[in-house]
N, C-alpha and C. Protein backbone atom coordinates (compact mmCIF):
# COMPACT_ATOMS: atom_id res chain seq x y z
N MET A 1 23.32 -11.09 22.43
CA MET A 1 21.95 -11.59 21.58
C MET A 1 22.09 -12.61 20.68
N ARG A 2 21.16 -13.48 21.05
CA ARG A 2 21.23 -14.69 20.25
C ARG A 2 20.45 -14.63 19.33
N LEU A 3 21.44 -15.33 17.90
CA LEU A 3 20.48 -15.40 16.72
C LEU A 3 19.73 -16.76 16.39
N SER A 4 18.43 -16.78 15.60
CA SER A 4 18.42 -18.20 15.32
C SER A 4 19.15 -18.38 13.86
N ARG A 5 18.89 -19.67 13.30
CA ARG A 5 19.82 -19.84 12.25
C ARG A 5 19.19 -19.25 11.12
N PHE A 6 18.19 -18.92 11.04
CA PHE A 6 17.57 -18.19 9.35
C PHE A 6 18.01 -16.58 9.85
N GLU A 7 17.48 -16.28 10.96
CA GLU A 7 18.31 -14.41 11.28
C GLU A 7 19.62 -14.57 11.19
N LEU A 8 20.34 -15.65 11.36
CA LEU A 8 22.20 -15.36 11.19
C LEU A 8 22.18 -15.53 9.84
N GLN A 9 21.39 -16.50 8.98
CA GLN A 9 21.61 -16.24 7.18
C GLN A 9 21.48 -15.02 6.67
N VAL A 10 20.35 -14.53 7.23
CA VAL A 10 20.06 -12.81 6.59
C VAL A 10 20.99 -11.82 7.20
N MET A 11 21.73 -12.15 8.28
CA MET A 11 22.52 -10.96 8.62
C MET A 11 23.75 -11.55 7.96
N GLU A 12 24.46 -12.50 7.80
CA GLU A 12 25.45 -12.79 6.80
C GLU A 12 24.66 -11.92 5.34
N VAL A 13 24.04 -12.06 4.79
CA VAL A 13 23.76 -11.77 3.48
C VAL A 13 23.54 -9.85 3.92
N LEU A 14 23.30 -9.33 4.92
CA LEU A 14 23.16 -7.79 5.31
C LEU A 14 24.87 -7.68 5.37
N TRP A 15 25.77 -8.51 5.96
CA TRP A 15 26.89 -7.93 6.35
C TRP A 15 28.04 -8.14 4.76
N ARG A 16 27.52 -9.05 4.30
CA ARG A 16 28.17 -9.43 3.19
C ARG A 16 27.84 -8.10 1.81
N THR A 17 26.55 -7.52 1.76
CA THR A 17 26.39 -6.96 0.91
C THR A 17 26.11 -5.18 1.24
N GLY A 18 25.49 -5.09 2.45
CA GLY A 18 25.18 -3.85 3.00
C GLY A 18 23.78 -3.72 3.12
N GLU A 19 23.25 -2.79 2.72
CA GLU A 19 22.15 -1.93 2.31
C GLU A 19 21.27 -2.80 1.28
N VAL A 20 20.25 -3.41 1.51
CA VAL A 20 19.97 -4.10 0.46
C VAL A 20 18.15 -4.22 0.52
N SER A 21 17.22 -4.43 -0.80
CA SER A 21 15.63 -4.57 0.24
C SER A 21 15.32 -6.12 0.29
N VAL A 22 14.38 -6.22 0.63
CA VAL A 22 13.77 -7.45 1.09
C VAL A 22 14.20 -8.52 -0.11
N ARG A 23 13.74 -8.17 -1.26
CA ARG A 23 13.89 -8.97 -2.39
C ARG A 23 15.44 -9.56 -2.88
N GLU A 24 16.20 -8.55 -2.55
CA GLU A 24 17.46 -8.86 -2.46
C GLU A 24 17.77 -9.74 -1.57
N VAL A 25 17.40 -9.63 -0.41
CA VAL A 25 17.73 -10.63 0.87
C VAL A 25 17.13 -12.08 0.33
N HIS A 26 15.98 -11.87 0.00
CA HIS A 26 15.34 -13.46 -0.40
C HIS A 26 16.04 -14.20 -1.36
N GLU A 27 16.59 -13.33 -2.51
CA GLU A 27 17.46 -13.92 -3.46
C GLU A 27 18.45 -14.48 -2.83
N ALA A 28 19.19 -13.80 -1.92
CA ALA A 28 20.46 -14.21 -1.58
C ALA A 28 20.70 -15.62 -0.52
N LEU A 29 19.29 -16.01 -0.27
CA LEU A 29 19.32 -16.85 0.64
C LEU A 29 18.95 -18.12 0.13
N PRO A 30 19.63 -19.23 0.41
CA PRO A 30 19.36 -21.02 0.01
C PRO A 30 17.34 -20.70 -0.50
N GLN A 31 17.39 -21.51 -1.52
CA GLN A 31 15.84 -21.30 -2.10
C GLN A 31 15.04 -22.50 -1.74
N ASP A 32 15.72 -23.34 -0.64
CA ASP A 32 14.87 -24.31 -0.13
C ASP A 32 14.60 -23.79 1.28
N HIS A 33 14.56 -22.74 1.74
CA HIS A 33 13.86 -21.98 2.99
C HIS A 33 12.56 -21.24 2.45
N ALA A 34 11.91 -21.85 3.60
CA ALA A 34 10.20 -21.35 3.30
C ALA A 34 10.44 -20.09 4.40
N LEU A 35 10.20 -19.11 3.81
CA LEU A 35 9.83 -18.01 4.61
C LEU A 35 8.64 -17.88 5.31
N MET A 36 8.46 -18.22 6.75
CA MET A 36 7.53 -17.99 7.36
C MET A 36 7.56 -17.08 8.54
N PHE A 37 6.86 -16.07 8.38
CA PHE A 37 7.19 -14.92 9.68
C PHE A 37 5.88 -14.60 10.45
N ALA A 38 5.91 -14.42 11.95
CA ALA A 38 5.12 -14.76 13.39
C ALA A 38 5.41 -13.82 13.76
N PRO A 39 4.60 -12.91 14.89
CA PRO A 39 4.99 -12.02 15.90
C PRO A 39 5.64 -12.29 16.45
N ALA A 40 7.06 -11.72 16.99
CA ALA A 40 7.63 -11.94 17.87
C ALA A 40 7.61 -11.49 19.35
N ILE A 41 6.33 -10.45 19.33
CA ILE A 41 6.03 -9.60 20.43
C ILE A 41 4.16 -9.54 20.27
N THR A 42 3.35 -9.68 21.69
CA THR A 42 1.89 -9.60 21.24
C THR A 42 1.90 -8.34 20.98
N ARG A 43 0.79 -7.66 20.33
CA ARG A 43 0.17 -6.13 20.23
C ARG A 43 0.00 -5.63 21.81
N LYS A 44 -0.80 -6.02 22.67
CA LYS A 44 -0.66 -5.93 24.02
C LYS A 44 0.39 -5.74 24.74
N ALA A 45 1.55 -6.02 24.37
CA ALA A 45 2.55 -5.79 24.88
C ALA A 45 3.51 -4.70 24.17
N VAL A 46 3.05 -4.52 23.01
CA VAL A 46 3.84 -3.16 22.33
C VAL A 46 2.99 -2.06 23.13
N HIS A 47 1.80 -2.24 22.93
CA HIS A 47 0.66 -0.98 23.70
C HIS A 47 1.22 -0.74 25.21
N ARG A 48 1.32 -1.96 25.81
CA ARG A 48 2.05 -1.33 27.33
C ARG A 48 3.22 -0.48 27.33
N ARG A 49 4.56 -1.25 26.11
CA ARG A 49 5.22 -0.50 26.78
C ARG A 49 5.58 0.98 26.02
N LEU A 50 4.37 1.28 24.70
CA LEU A 50 4.29 2.45 24.29
C LEU A 50 3.47 3.52 25.61
N ILE A 51 2.77 2.91 25.87
CA ILE A 51 2.05 3.74 26.89
C ILE A 51 3.29 4.01 28.49
N ASP A 52 3.87 3.28 28.68
CA ASP A 52 4.62 3.26 29.48
C ASP A 52 5.50 4.38 29.39
N GLU A 53 6.09 4.32 28.10
CA GLU A 53 7.15 5.48 27.38
C GLU A 53 6.00 6.80 27.60
N LEU A 54 5.04 6.65 26.96
CA LEU A 54 4.20 8.26 26.97
C LEU A 54 3.76 8.70 28.34
N LEU A 55 3.71 7.86 29.20
CA LEU A 55 4.01 8.45 30.42
C LEU A 55 5.03 8.38 31.48
N ASP A 56 6.04 8.17 30.70
CA ASP A 56 7.26 8.85 31.58
C ASP A 56 7.69 9.85 30.77
N LEU A 57 7.81 10.33 29.66
CA LEU A 57 7.62 11.65 28.81
C LEU A 57 6.60 12.74 29.27
N VAL A 58 5.62 12.59 29.57
CA VAL A 58 4.44 13.28 30.09
C VAL A 58 4.64 13.53 31.49
N GLY A 59 5.13 12.56 32.46
CA GLY A 59 5.18 12.77 33.62
C GLY A 59 3.93 12.60 34.47
N GLY A 60 3.97 11.10 34.17
CA GLY A 60 2.49 10.51 34.75
C GLY A 60 0.92 10.39 34.16
N SER A 61 0.52 9.72 34.78
CA SER A 61 -1.20 9.20 34.53
C SER A 61 -1.97 11.28 34.27
N GLN A 62 -1.25 11.34 35.82
CA GLN A 62 -2.54 12.58 36.14
C GLN A 62 -2.45 13.80 34.86
N PRO A 63 -1.41 14.09 33.75
CA PRO A 63 -1.31 15.29 32.77
C PRO A 63 -2.18 14.57 31.59
N LEU A 64 -1.60 13.00 31.65
CA LEU A 64 -2.65 12.57 30.32
C LEU A 64 -4.05 12.07 30.28
N LEU A 65 -4.47 12.16 31.69
CA LEU A 65 -6.00 11.73 32.14
C LEU A 65 -6.19 13.67 31.79
N ALA A 66 -5.99 14.69 32.48
CA ALA A 66 -6.29 16.00 32.08
C ALA A 66 -6.18 16.16 31.11
N HIS A 67 -5.47 15.75 30.24
CA HIS A 67 -5.43 16.11 28.63
C HIS A 67 -6.67 15.60 27.70
N LEU A 68 -6.55 14.01 28.06
CA LEU A 68 -7.89 13.62 27.39
C LEU A 68 -8.87 14.17 27.70
N VAL A 69 -9.17 14.27 29.30
CA VAL A 69 -10.52 15.32 29.48
C VAL A 69 -10.72 16.50 29.07
N ASP A 70 -9.94 17.28 29.00
CA ASP A 70 -9.85 18.83 28.70
C ASP A 70 -9.90 18.48 27.08
N SER A 71 -9.63 17.66 26.36
CA SER A 71 -9.80 17.58 25.09
C SER A 71 -11.61 16.87 24.28
N GLY A 72 -11.64 16.15 25.53
CA GLY A 72 -13.37 15.86 25.16
C GLY A 72 -13.10 14.28 24.29
N LYS A 73 -11.71 13.97 24.89
CA LYS A 73 -11.58 12.27 24.37
C LYS A 73 -11.42 11.56 25.46
N LEU A 74 -11.73 11.85 26.61
CA LEU A 74 -12.30 10.65 27.69
C LEU A 74 -13.56 11.17 28.37
N SER A 75 -14.37 9.99 27.89
CA SER A 75 -16.25 10.30 28.18
C SER A 75 -16.34 10.17 29.73
N VAL A 76 -17.33 10.44 30.30
CA VAL A 76 -17.92 9.81 31.61
C VAL A 76 -18.24 8.50 32.11
N ASP A 77 -18.31 7.69 30.75
CA ASP A 77 -18.42 6.31 30.54
C ASP A 77 -16.90 5.59 30.64
N ASP A 78 -16.05 6.28 30.20
CA ASP A 78 -14.81 6.07 29.98
C ASP A 78 -14.29 6.28 31.35
N LEU A 79 -14.50 7.16 32.01
CA LEU A 79 -14.29 7.08 33.71
C LEU A 79 -14.96 6.14 34.32
N LYS A 80 -15.92 6.04 34.20
CA LYS A 80 -16.53 5.21 34.96
C LYS A 80 -15.69 3.73 35.00
N ALA A 81 -15.45 3.39 33.47
CA ALA A 81 -14.87 2.07 33.43
C ALA A 81 -13.48 2.19 33.88
N ILE A 82 -12.36 3.06 33.99
CA ILE A 82 -11.43 3.15 34.65
C ILE A 82 -11.43 3.05 36.40
N GLU A 83 -12.56 3.91 36.85
CA GLU A 83 -12.88 3.49 38.19
C GLU A 83 -13.27 2.29 38.68
N LYS A 84 -13.99 1.68 37.70
CA LYS A 84 -14.48 -0.12 38.13
C LYS A 84 -13.36 -0.97 37.76
N ARG A 85 -12.11 -0.73 36.57
CA ARG A 85 -11.10 -1.76 36.80
C ARG A 85 -10.05 -1.08 37.89
N ALA A 86 -10.09 0.22 38.69
CA ALA A 86 -9.50 0.15 39.75
C ALA A 86 -9.85 -0.14 41.12
N ARG A 87 -10.92 -0.46 41.10
CA ARG A 87 -11.52 -1.39 42.44
C ARG A 87 -11.24 -2.43 42.27
N LYS A 88 -10.92 -3.28 41.06
CA LYS A 88 -10.43 -4.77 41.20
C LYS A 88 -9.38 -4.85 41.55
């Protein structure tokens, strides 16, 4: 695993102090550090991974689709959109 310089500084605080709050980590870092956060993974990638895990858990798409139909959470319009997408 490769850590950025900032990640390494945060890890040094955690290794030195153990479990601490975000505020305590912030206070332990050099004060000239501008803390900027950005997503490392897209929402779409997370959704795809979660859906893949769910499909593995329930044994594929057919049990999932059957549940969605039975529960009324999958409409005829949804099915038409899925069929249209599958034809592409």
